[in-house]
Amino acid sequence: MPAKKKKDNVEGGPQGGGERTPKGDSVSLFTLAVVTIVILGVIGIVFGYTKDKLNELQGGGNAAALEEQIINLKNQLKDLSDKTLALEKLNAENKEIVASLFDKNRKLPASVDSSTWVNYTNSEAKVNLKLPETWEVVSAQKVASGSTPAPAEGEAAADTPVLPEFQYIIMLQPKGELNFVQAVTIKDDYLDFAGLTLAEKYDIFKELNLLDERDLSFGKMLYFIDLDDAENEIPTVLILTENRILRATFNVYNKAFDKYIQFRQDFEAMMTTIDLAAKTEDAAKTDVPAAPAE
């Protein structure tokens, strides 16, 4: 199987539909609440300490009493720091929960307002798509990759030639976001299956735990969560045509990052704008060397 199945297949629940989730706003409000609690706590402690100190001095207090107050102040500050760390941990856990629920109920958006987006065309890779103005293409290149076919009957594996094949790899990322560098990869993939018919390709990949699928004028679009070798969950879109398989992945593993949900939704929306400029020509065509004369 060319891609791993996601272990858990959770059905039901609200569908995302590509719209911004209000849970992202609740996380931001939670963060604001944490900051407010910390500020108020520090002000309360310092105010209480200052008032006690003045009363003590006015009453002719001694150094031992003042030292005791300082120790008490340190303990209160440490307690406040511990509570802040606990709240930060809880905030991170809440983000993970929200993102996990978000994963299991995702659908590709039915429509996207891309009127202000930027058109991107790669004529060599024969790919067109639109990007939000906050995104950029950071690299686009043609990469050669070797593939060794199975040896013919009676032929030693060492004598089997390596056929030169090519992949087009395009990397995208939101501008100025260090946690989302090269967040999206788009490339020709599964080159060994490129020669199969569209129906045969679909029969292979439909066995995955699909979140969504869509019929296109030139093929099929499949959306699922893939797993890498380290069991990281990778949102993945496959575009199947009669002569190629295009694979797009969202490469951010930490769902607790701020803006994770926003950029995940951008990824889904961008994928729905993809158009393959050449629908009857293989962009990842294999160049097979001529057989030597006997």
C-alpha atoms as a PDB file:
ATOM      1  CA  MET A   1       0.000   0.000   0.000  1.00  0.00           C
ATOM      2  CA  PRO A   2       1.594   3.323  -1.041  1.00  0.00           C
ATOM      3  CA  ALA A   3       0.344   5.336   1.901  1.00  0.00           C
ATOM      4  CA  LYS A   4      -0.358   4.354   5.492  1.00  0.00           C
ATOM      5  CA  LYS A   5      -3.914   4.154   6.754  1.00  0.00           C
ATOM      6  CA  LYS A   6      -4.755   6.323   9.736  1.00  0.00           C
ATOM      7  CA  LYS A   7      -5.319   3.973  12.662  1.00  0.00           C
ATOM      8  CA  ASP A   8      -8.483   5.601  14.013  1.00  0.00           C
ATOM      9  CA  ASN A   9     -11.462   6.225  11.768  1.00  0.00           C
ATOM     10  CA  VAL A  10     -13.837   8.531  13.614  1.00  0.00           C
ATOM     11  CA  GLU A  11     -17.128   9.256  11.928  1.00  0.00           C
ATOM     12  CA  GLY A  12     -19.827  11.788  12.594  1.00  0.00           C
ATOM     13  CA  GLY A  13     -19.564  15.161  14.285  1.00  0.00           C
ATOM     14  CA  PRO A  14     -19.743  18.614  12.714  1.00  0.00           C
ATOM     15  CA  GLN A  15     -18.163  19.113   9.366  1.00  0.00           C
ATOM     16  CA  GLY A  16     -15.518  21.791   8.937  1.00  0.00           C
ATOM     17  CA  GLY A  17     -16.403  22.975   5.442  1.00  0.00           C
ATOM     18  CA  GLY A  18     -13.280  25.149   5.379  1.00  0.00           C
ATOM     19  CA  GLU A  19     -14.784  27.895   7.611  1.00  0.00           C
ATOM     20  CA  ARG A  20     -12.890  29.366  10.526  1.00  0.00           C
ATOM     21  CA  THR A  21     -13.750  27.529  13.734  1.00  0.00           C
ATOM     22  CA  PRO A  22     -14.853  29.584  16.737  1.00  0.00           C
ATOM     23  CA  LYS A  23     -12.770  27.281  18.919  1.00  0.00           C
ATOM     24  CA  GLY A  24      -9.660  29.055  17.621  1.00  0.00           C
ATOM     25  CA  ASP A  25     -11.083  32.292  19.080  1.00  0.00           C
ATOM     26  CA  SER A  26     -11.780  30.608  22.424  1.00  0.00           C
ATOM     27  CA  VAL A  27      -8.138  29.541  22.658  1.00  0.00           C
ATOM     28  CA  SER A  28      -7.054  33.168  22.097  1.00  0.00           C
ATOM     29  CA  LEU A  29      -9.473  34.342  24.831  1.00  0.00           C
ATOM     30  CA  PHE A  30      -8.083  31.677  27.145  1.00  0.00           C
ATOM     31  CA  THR A  31      -4.543  32.985  26.559  1.00  0.00           C
ATOM     32  CA  LEU A  32      -5.686  36.547  27.287  1.00  0.00           C
ATOM     33  CA  ALA A  33      -7.315  35.345  30.500  1.00  0.00           C
ATOM     34  CA  VAL A  34      -4.062  33.701  31.632  1.00  0.00           C
ATOM     35  CA  VAL A  35      -2.078  36.907  31.035  1.00  0.00           C
ATOM     36  CA  THR A  36      -4.698  38.965  32.898  1.00  0.00           C
ATOM     37  CA  ILE A  37      -4.629  36.612  35.912  1.00  0.00           C
ATOM     38  CA  VAL A  38      -0.832  36.827  36.110  1.00  0.00           C
ATOM     39  CA  ILE A  39      -0.792  40.629  35.929  1.00  0.00           C
ATOM     40  CA  LEU A  40      -3.525  41.007  38.562  1.00  0.00           C
ATOM     41  CA  GLY A  41      -1.803  38.494  40.826  1.00  0.00           C
ATOM     42  CA  VAL A  42       1.536  40.326  40.705  1.00  0.00           C
ATOM     43  CA  ILE A  43      -0.164  43.690  41.338  1.00  0.00           C
ATOM     44  CA  GLY A  44      -2.095  42.249  44.302  1.00  0.00           C
ATOM     45  CA  ILE A  45       0.996  40.707  45.881  1.00  0.00           C
ATOM     46  CA  VAL A  46       3.168  43.803  45.446  1.00  0.00           C
ATOM     47  CA  PHE A  47       0.398  46.105  46.731  1.00  0.00           C
ATOM     48  CA  GLY A  48      -0.165  43.934  49.776  1.00  0.00           C
ATOM     49  CA  TYR A  49       3.538  43.762  50.496  1.00  0.00           C
ATOM     50  CA  THR A  50       3.994  47.543  50.176  1.00  0.00           C
ATOM     51  CA  LYS A  51       1.043  48.237  52.487  1.00  0.00           C
ATOM     52  CA  ASP A  52       2.302  45.782  55.132  1.00  0.00           C
ATOM     53  CA  LYS A  53       5.788  47.248  54.940  1.00  0.00           C
ATOM     54  CA  LEU A  54       4.576  50.808  55.503  1.00  0.00           C
ATOM     55  CA  ASN A  55       2.416  49.739  58.457  1.00  0.00           C
ATOM     56  CA  GLU A  56       5.351  47.878  59.931  1.00  0.00           C
ATOM     57  CA  LEU A  57       7.707  50.844  59.619  1.00  0.00           C
ATOM     58  CA  GLN A  58       5.118  53.226  61.041  1.00  0.00           C
ATOM     59  CA  GLY A  59       4.644  50.922  64.022  1.00  0.00           C
ATOM     60  CA  GLY A  60       8.380  50.673  64.684  1.00  0.00           C
ATOM     61  CA  GLY A  61       8.762  47.138  63.338  1.00  0.00           C
ATOM     62  CA  ASN A  62      12.081  45.356  63.465  1.00  0.00           C
ATOM     63  CA  ALA A  63      14.277  43.807  60.736  1.00  0.00           C
ATOM     64  CA  ALA A  64      13.157  40.248  61.525  1.00  0.00           C
ATOM     65  CA  ALA A  65       9.542  41.043  60.733  1.00  0.00           C
ATOM     66  CA  LEU A  66      10.534  42.711  57.485  1.00  0.00           C
ATOM     67  CA  GLU A  67      12.662  39.685  56.483  1.00  0.00           C
ATOM     68  CA  GLU A  68       9.715  37.413  57.189  1.00  0.00           C
ATOM     69  CA  GLN A  69       7.531  39.495  54.903  1.00  0.00           C
ATOM     70  CA  ILE A  70      10.129  39.260  52.123  1.00  0.00           C
ATOM     71  CA  ILE A  71      10.246  35.474  52.456  1.00  0.00           C
ATOM     72  CA  ASN A  72       6.461  35.364  52.333  1.00  0.00           C
ATOM     73  CA  LEU A  73       6.460  37.529  49.214  1.00  0.00           C
ATOM     74  CA  LYS A  74       8.925  35.172  47.496  1.00  0.00           C
ATOM     75  CA  ASN A  75       6.759  32.187  48.349  1.00  0.00           C
ATOM     76  CA  GLN A  76       3.664  33.880  46.955  1.00  0.00           C
ATOM     77  CA  LEU A  77       5.483  34.763  43.740  1.00  0.00           C
ATOM     78  CA  LYS A  78       6.695  31.167  43.373  1.00  0.00           C
ATOM     79  CA  ASP A  79       3.146  29.894  43.912  1.00  0.00           C
ATOM     80  CA  LEU A  80       1.878  32.309  41.263  1.00  0.00           C
ATOM     81  CA  SER A  81       4.609  31.174  38.857  1.00  0.00           C
ATOM     82  CA  ASP A  82       3.646  27.520  39.380  1.00  0.00           C
ATOM     83  CA  LYS A  83       0.002  28.300  38.703  1.00  0.00           C
ATOM     84  CA  THR A  84       0.954  30.191  35.534  1.00  0.00           C
ATOM     85  CA  LEU A  85       2.947  27.216  34.238  1.00  0.00           C
ATOM     86  CA  ALA A  86       0.020  24.910  34.960  1.00  0.00           C
ATOM     87  CA  LEU A  87      -2.335  27.218  33.054  1.00  0.00           C
ATOM     88  CA  GLU A  88       0.073  27.362  30.107  1.00  0.00           C
ATOM     89  CA  LYS A  89       0.222  23.556  30.028  1.00  0.00           C
ATOM     90  CA  LEU A  90      -3.560  23.346  30.134  1.00  0.00           C
ATOM     91  CA  ASN A  91      -3.775  25.890  27.313  1.00  0.00           C
ATOM     92  CA  ALA A  92      -1.440  23.788  25.146  1.00  0.00           C
ATOM     93  CA  GLU A  93      -3.475  20.643  25.906  1.00  0.00           C
ATOM     94  CA  ASN A  94      -6.687  22.439  24.955  1.00  0.00           C
ATOM     95  CA  LYS A  95      -5.158  23.453  21.635  1.00  0.00           C
ATOM     96  CA  GLU A  96      -4.234  19.815  20.958  1.00  0.00           C
ATOM     97  CA  ILE A  97      -7.798  18.705  21.738  1.00  0.00           C
ATOM     98  CA  VAL A  98      -9.304  21.350  19.458  1.00  0.00           C
ATOM     99  CA  ALA A  99      -6.919  20.461  16.609  1.00  0.00           C
ATOM    100  CA  SER A 100      -7.598  16.724  16.992  1.00  0.00           C
ATOM    101  CA  LEU A 101     -11.350  17.256  16.772  1.00  0.00           C
ATOM    102  CA  PHE A 102     -10.688  19.526  13.817  1.00  0.00           C
ATOM    103  CA  ASP A 103      -8.740  16.716  12.073  1.00  0.00           C
ATOM    104  CA  LYS A 104     -11.417  14.060  12.331  1.00  0.00           C
ATOM    105  CA  ASN A 105     -14.213  16.152  10.853  1.00  0.00           C
ATOM    106  CA  ARG A 106     -12.489  17.961   8.022  1.00  0.00           C
ATOM    107  CA  LYS A 107     -13.980  18.430   4.581  1.00  0.00           C
ATOM    108  CA  LEU A 108     -12.571  20.285   1.619  1.00  0.00           C
ATOM    109  CA  PRO A 109     -14.331  23.646   1.277  1.00  0.00           C
ATOM    110  CA  ALA A 110     -17.181  23.619  -1.209  1.00  0.00           C
ATOM    111  CA  SER A 111     -16.302  27.117  -2.399  1.00  0.00           C
ATOM    112  CA  VAL A 112     -13.446  29.550  -1.836  1.00  0.00           C
ATOM    113  CA  ASP A 113     -13.425  33.316  -2.245  1.00  0.00           C
ATOM    114  CA  SER A 114     -10.071  33.684  -4.004  1.00  0.00           C
ATOM    115  CA  SER A 115     -10.822  37.055  -5.614  1.00  0.00           C
ATOM    116  CA  THR A 116      -7.907  38.707  -3.789  1.00  0.00           C
ATOM    117  CA  TRP A 117      -5.538  35.746  -4.079  1.00  0.00           C
ATOM    118  CA  VAL A 118      -2.419  35.541  -6.234  1.00  0.00           C
ATOM    119  CA  ASN A 119      -2.281  33.259  -9.276  1.00  0.00           C
ATOM    120  CA  TYR A 120       0.678  30.882  -9.420  1.00  0.00           C
ATOM    121  CA  THR A 121       1.519  28.984 -12.591  1.00  0.00           C
ATOM    122  CA  ASN A 122       4.383  26.535 -13.059  1.00  0.00           C
ATOM    123  CA  SER A 123       4.401  25.752 -16.768  1.00  0.00           C
ATOM    124  CA  GLU A 124       7.110  23.112 -16.443  1.00  0.00           C
ATOM    125  CA  ALA A 125       5.246  21.205 -13.731  1.00  0.00           C
ATOM    126  CA  LYS A 126       1.966  21.992 -15.544  1.00  0.00           C
ATOM    127  CA  VAL A 127       0.309  23.152 -12.309  1.00  0.00           C
ATOM    128  CA  ASN A 128      -1.862  26.198 -11.675  1.00  0.00           C
ATOM    129  CA  LEU A 129      -3.166  27.262  -8.280  1.00  0.00           C
ATOM    130  CA  LYS A 130      -4.056  30.348  -6.252  1.00  0.00           C
ATOM    131  CA  LEU A 131      -2.415  31.524  -3.034  1.00  0.00           C
ATOM    132  CA  PRO A 132      -3.612  33.935  -0.337  1.00  0.00           C
ATOM    133  CA  GLU A 133      -1.552  37.127  -0.340  1.00  0.00           C
ATOM    134  CA  THR A 134      -0.105  36.054   3.014  1.00  0.00           C
ATOM    135  CA  TRP A 135       1.505  32.977   1.403  1.00  0.00           C
ATOM    136  CA  GLU A 136       4.528  32.613  -0.872  1.00  0.00           C
ATOM    137  CA  VAL A 137       6.282  30.052  -3.077  1.00  0.00           C
ATOM    138  CA  VAL A 138       9.727  29.431  -1.582  1.00  0.00           C
ATOM    139  CA  SER A 139      11.021  26.885  -4.095  1.00  0.00           C
ATOM    140  CA  ALA A 140       9.966  25.098  -7.264  1.00  0.00           C
ATOM    141  CA  GLN A 141      12.298  22.630  -8.885  1.00  0.00           C
ATOM    142  CA  LYS A 142      12.552  19.531 -11.041  1.00  0.00           C
ATOM    143  CA  VAL A 143      14.279  16.716  -9.199  1.00  0.00           C
ATOM    144  CA  ALA A 144      15.578  13.518 -10.774  1.00  0.00           C
ATOM    145  CA  SER A 145      14.944  10.281  -8.891  1.00  0.00           C
ATOM    146  CA  GLY A 146      16.060   6.764  -9.747  1.00  0.00           C
ATOM    147  CA  SER A 147      13.694   3.811  -9.839  1.00  0.00           C
ATOM    148  CA  THR A 148      14.763   0.236 -10.343  1.00  0.00           C
ATOM    149  CA  PRO A 149      12.122  -1.963 -12.024  1.00  0.00           C
ATOM    150  CA  ALA A 150      11.730  -5.637 -11.184  1.00  0.00           C
ATOM    151  CA  PRO A 151      14.186  -7.780 -13.212  1.00  0.00           C
ATOM    152  CA  ALA A 152      12.831  -9.810 -16.096  1.00  0.00           C
ATOM    153  CA  GLU A 153      12.657 -13.589 -15.755  1.00  0.00           C
ATOM    154  CA  GLY A 154      16.139 -15.060 -15.957  1.00  0.00           C
ATOM    155  CA  GLU A 155      17.809 -11.644 -15.579  1.00  0.00           C
ATOM    156  CA  ALA A 156      19.989 -10.823 -12.592  1.00  0.00           C
ATOM    157  CA  ALA A 157      18.865  -7.866 -10.495  1.00  0.00           C
ATOM    158  CA  ALA A 158      22.300  -6.245 -10.797  1.00  0.00           C
ATOM    159  CA  ASP A 159      21.901  -6.111 -14.580  1.00  0.00           C
ATOM    160  CA  THR A 160      18.598  -4.225 -14.394  1.00  0.00           C
ATOM    161  CA  PRO A 161      19.048  -0.590 -15.516  1.00  0.00           C
ATOM    162  CA  VAL A 162      17.904   2.322 -13.369  1.00  0.00           C
ATOM    163  CA  LEU A 163      15.407   4.386 -15.344  1.00  0.00           C
ATOM    164  CA  PRO A 164      15.660   8.174 -14.932  1.00  0.00           C
ATOM    165  CA  GLU A 165      12.414   9.677 -13.663  1.00  0.00           C
ATOM    166  CA  PHE A 166      11.539  13.187 -12.593  1.00  0.00           C
ATOM    167  CA  GLN A 167       9.521  14.858  -9.859  1.00  0.00           C
ATOM    168  CA  TYR A 168       8.377  18.458  -9.724  1.00  0.00           C
ATOM    169  CA  ILE A 169       8.485  19.740  -6.153  1.00  0.00           C
ATOM    170  CA  ILE A 170       6.874  23.039  -5.116  1.00  0.00           C
ATOM    171  CA  MET A 171       7.218  24.378  -1.560  1.00  0.00           C
ATOM    172  CA  LEU A 172       4.819  26.944  -0.055  1.00  0.00           C
ATOM    173  CA  GLN A 173       4.719  28.748   3.274  1.00  0.00           C
ATOM    174  CA  PRO A 174       2.930  31.643   5.015  1.00  0.00           C
ATOM    175  CA  LYS A 175       5.047  34.789   5.042  1.00  0.00           C
ATOM    176  CA  GLY A 176       7.022  35.580   8.182  1.00  0.00           C
ATOM    177  CA  GLU A 177       5.888  32.553  10.204  1.00  0.00           C
ATOM    178  CA  LEU A 178       8.917  30.717  11.618  1.00  0.00           C
ATOM    179  CA  ASN A 179       6.818  27.782  12.871  1.00  0.00           C
ATOM    180  CA  PHE A 180       5.453  27.172   9.379  1.00  0.00           C
ATOM    181  CA  VAL A 181       8.549  27.188   7.171  1.00  0.00           C
ATOM    182  CA  GLN A 182       7.942  25.044   4.040  1.00  0.00           C
ATOM    183  CA  ALA A 183       4.534  24.196   5.445  1.00  0.00           C
ATOM    184  CA  VAL A 184       3.154  22.788   2.179  1.00  0.00           C
ATOM    185  CA  THR A 185       4.746  20.473  -0.376  1.00  0.00           C
ATOM    186  CA  ILE A 186       3.222  19.760  -3.797  1.00  0.00           C
ATOM    187  CA  LYS A 187       4.882  17.165  -5.990  1.00  0.00           C
ATOM    188  CA  ASP A 188       4.409  14.357  -8.477  1.00  0.00           C
ATOM    189  CA  ASP A 189       4.511  11.121  -6.516  1.00  0.00           C
ATOM    190  CA  TYR A 190       3.896   7.384  -6.747  1.00  0.00           C
ATOM    191  CA  LEU A 191       5.567   7.405 -10.158  1.00  0.00           C
ATOM    192  CA  ASP A 192       5.346   3.609 -10.373  1.00  0.00           C
ATOM    193  CA  PHE A 193       1.543   3.949 -10.463  1.00  0.00           C
ATOM    194  CA  ALA A 194       1.401   6.846 -12.929  1.00  0.00           C
ATOM    195  CA  GLY A 195       0.812   4.510 -15.888  1.00  0.00           C
ATOM    196  CA  LEU A 196      -2.288   2.921 -14.350  1.00  0.00           C
ATOM    197  CA  THR A 197      -5.727   4.040 -15.448  1.00  0.00           C
ATOM    198  CA  LEU A 198      -7.605   6.545 -13.310  1.00  0.00           C
ATOM    199  CA  ALA A 199      -9.987   3.805 -12.191  1.00  0.00           C
ATOM    200  CA  GLU A 200      -7.089   1.578 -11.136  1.00  0.00           C
ATOM    201  CA  LYS A 201      -5.455   4.424  -9.182  1.00  0.00           C
ATOM    202  CA  TYR A 202      -8.728   5.194  -7.419  1.00  0.00           C
ATOM    203  CA  ASP A 203      -9.226   1.527  -6.490  1.00  0.00           C
ATOM    204  CA  ILE A 204      -5.857   1.614  -4.711  1.00  0.00           C
ATOM    205  CA  PHE A 205      -6.221   4.865  -2.788  1.00  0.00           C
ATOM    206  CA  LYS A 206      -9.912   4.698  -1.918  1.00  0.00           C
ATOM    207  CA  GLU A 207      -9.007   2.089   0.723  1.00  0.00           C
ATOM    208  CA  LEU A 208      -7.502   4.861   2.856  1.00  0.00           C
ATOM    209  CA  ASN A 209      -9.571   6.439   5.624  1.00  0.00           C
ATOM    210  CA  LEU A 210     -10.697   9.336   3.470  1.00  0.00           C
ATOM    211  CA  LEU A 211     -11.898  12.552   5.090  1.00  0.00           C
ATOM    212  CA  ASP A 212     -13.277  13.762   1.782  1.00  0.00           C
ATOM    213  CA  GLU A 213     -13.117  13.208  -1.961  1.00  0.00           C
ATOM    214  CA  ARG A 214     -14.103  15.233  -4.981  1.00  0.00           C
ATOM    215  CA  ASP A 215     -14.647  14.598  -8.673  1.00  0.00           C
ATOM    216  CA  LEU A 216     -12.661  16.911 -10.941  1.00  0.00           C
ATOM    217  CA  SER A 217     -12.977  17.523 -14.659  1.00  0.00           C
ATOM    218  CA  PHE A 218      -9.563  15.883 -15.079  1.00  0.00           C
ATOM    219  CA  GLY A 219      -9.594  13.270 -12.296  1.00  0.00           C
ATOM    220  CA  LYS A 220     -10.173  12.736  -8.583  1.00  0.00           C
ATOM    221  CA  MET A 221      -9.132  14.617  -5.447  1.00  0.00           C
ATOM    222  CA  LEU A 222      -8.764  12.609  -2.223  1.00  0.00           C
ATOM    223  CA  TYR A 223      -8.212  14.068   1.258  1.00  0.00           C
ATOM    224  CA  PHE A 224      -6.952  11.960   4.157  1.00  0.00           C
ATOM    225  CA  ILE A 225      -4.554  11.891   7.096  1.00  0.00           C
ATOM    226  CA  ASP A 226      -1.373  10.007   6.288  1.00  0.00           C
ATOM    227  CA  LEU A 227       1.176   8.761   8.835  1.00  0.00           C
ATOM    228  CA  ASP A 228       4.926   9.038   8.423  1.00  0.00           C
ATOM    229  CA  ASP A 229       7.483   6.581   9.810  1.00  0.00           C
ATOM    230  CA  ALA A 230       7.405   8.367  13.192  1.00  0.00           C
ATOM    231  CA  GLU A 231       3.571   8.136  13.308  1.00  0.00           C
ATOM    232  CA  ASN A 232       3.185  11.883  12.769  1.00  0.00           C
ATOM    233  CA  GLU A 233      -0.164  12.789  11.241  1.00  0.00           C
ATOM    234  CA  ILE A 234       0.164  14.488   7.854  1.00  0.00           C
ATOM    235  CA  PRO A 235      -2.888  16.067   6.171  1.00  0.00           C
ATOM    236  CA  THR A 236      -2.590  14.904   2.565  1.00  0.00           C
ATOM    237  CA  VAL A 237      -4.379  15.639  -0.704  1.00  0.00           C
ATOM    238  CA  LEU A 238      -3.927  13.361  -3.716  1.00  0.00           C
ATOM    239  CA  ILE A 239      -4.965  14.409  -7.214  1.00  0.00           C
ATOM    240  CA  LEU A 240      -5.357  11.413  -9.500  1.00  0.00           C
ATOM    241  CA  THR A 241      -5.468  11.751 -13.293  1.00  0.00           C
ATOM    242  CA  GLU A 242      -5.094   9.319 -16.160  1.00  0.00           C
ATOM    243  CA  ASN A 243      -1.353   9.929 -16.349  1.00  0.00           C
ATOM    244  CA  ARG A 244      -0.077  11.335 -13.054  1.00  0.00           C
ATOM    245  CA  ILE A 245      -0.539  11.469  -9.284  1.00  0.00           C
ATOM    246  CA  LEU A 246      -0.015  14.808  -7.587  1.00  0.00           C
ATOM    247  CA  ARG A 247       0.523  14.754  -3.819  1.00  0.00           C
ATOM    248  CA  ALA A 248       0.164  17.784  -1.534  1.00  0.00           C
ATOM    249  CA  THR A 249       0.987  17.661   2.178  1.00  0.00           C
ATOM    250  CA  PHE A 250       0.677  19.999   5.159  1.00  0.00           C
ATOM    251  CA  ASN A 251       3.996  19.439   6.910  1.00  0.00           C
ATOM    252  CA  VAL A 252       3.356  20.931  10.385  1.00  0.00           C
ATOM    253  CA  TYR A 253       3.202  18.317  13.145  1.00  0.00           C
ATOM    254  CA  ASN A 254       2.669  20.519  16.223  1.00  0.00           C
ATOM    255  CA  LYS A 255      -1.040  21.288  16.383  1.00  0.00           C
ATOM    256  CA  ALA A 256      -0.537  23.517  19.419  1.00  0.00           C
ATOM    257  CA  PHE A 257       1.158  26.208  17.336  1.00  0.00           C
ATOM    258  CA  ASP A 258      -0.766  29.464  17.160  1.00  0.00           C
ATOM    259  CA  LYS A 259      -2.412  29.801  13.727  1.00  0.00           C
ATOM    260  CA  TYR A 260      -2.187  26.040  13.079  1.00  0.00           C
ATOM    261  CA  ILE A 261      -5.907  25.833  12.342  1.00  0.00           C
ATOM    262  CA  GLN A 262      -5.845  28.981  10.196  1.00  0.00           C
ATOM    263  CA  PHE A 263      -2.997  27.731   8.000  1.00  0.00           C
ATOM    264  CA  ARG A 264      -4.449  24.222   7.832  1.00  0.00           C
ATOM    265  CA  GLN A 265      -7.627  25.757   6.440  1.00  0.00           C
ATOM    266  CA  ASP A 266      -5.553  27.788   3.967  1.00  0.00           C
ATOM    267  CA  PHE A 267      -3.945  24.548   2.791  1.00  0.00           C
ATOM    268  CA  GLU A 268      -7.317  22.949   2.163  1.00  0.00           C
ATOM    269  CA  ALA A 269      -8.626  26.008   0.348  1.00  0.00           C
ATOM    270  CA  MET A 270      -5.536  26.313  -1.865  1.00  0.00           C
ATOM    271  CA  MET A 271      -5.791  22.686  -2.903  1.00  0.00           C
ATOM    272  CA  THR A 272      -9.315  23.227  -4.238  1.00  0.00           C
ATOM    273  CA  THR A 273      -7.955  25.880  -6.630  1.00  0.00           C
ATOM    274  CA  ILE A 274      -5.433  23.537  -8.282  1.00  0.00           C
ATOM    275  CA  ASP A 275      -5.774  23.023 -12.017  1.00  0.00           C
ATOM    276  CA  LEU A 276      -3.480  20.815 -14.045  1.00  0.00           C
ATOM    277  CA  ALA A 277      -2.622  22.806 -17.169  1.00  0.00           C
ATOM    278  CA  ALA A 278      -1.993  19.680 -19.235  1.00  0.00           C
ATOM    279  CA  LYS A 279      -4.678  17.080 -18.664  1.00  0.00           C
ATOM    280  CA  THR A 280      -3.669  14.685 -21.417  1.00  0.00           C
ATOM    281  CA  GLU A 281       0.117  14.973 -21.164  1.00  0.00           C
ATOM    282  CA  ASP A 282       2.203  13.327 -18.501  1.00  0.00           C
ATOM    283  CA  ALA A 283       4.166  15.991 -16.618  1.00  0.00           C
ATOM    284  CA  ALA A 284       6.249  13.276 -14.914  1.00  0.00           C
ATOM    285  CA  LYS A 285       6.858  11.251 -18.046  1.00  0.00           C
ATOM    286  CA  THR A 286       9.607   8.650 -17.828  1.00  0.00           C
ATOM    287  CA  ASP A 287      12.474   8.976 -20.301  1.00  0.00           C
ATOM    288  CA  VAL A 288      13.395   5.401 -21.112  1.00  0.00           C
ATOM    289  CA  PRO A 289      16.781   4.988 -22.853  1.00  0.00           C
ATOM    290  CA  ALA A 290      16.802   3.098 -26.114  1.00  0.00           C
ATOM    291  CA  ALA A 291      17.727  -0.548 -25.825  1.00  0.00           C
ATOM    292  CA  PRO A 292      21.320  -1.264 -26.951  1.00  0.00           C
ATOM    293  CA  ALA A 293      21.726  -2.910 -30.335  1.00  0.00           C
ATOM    294  CA  GLU A 294      22.476  -6.590 -30.123  1.00  0.00           C
END
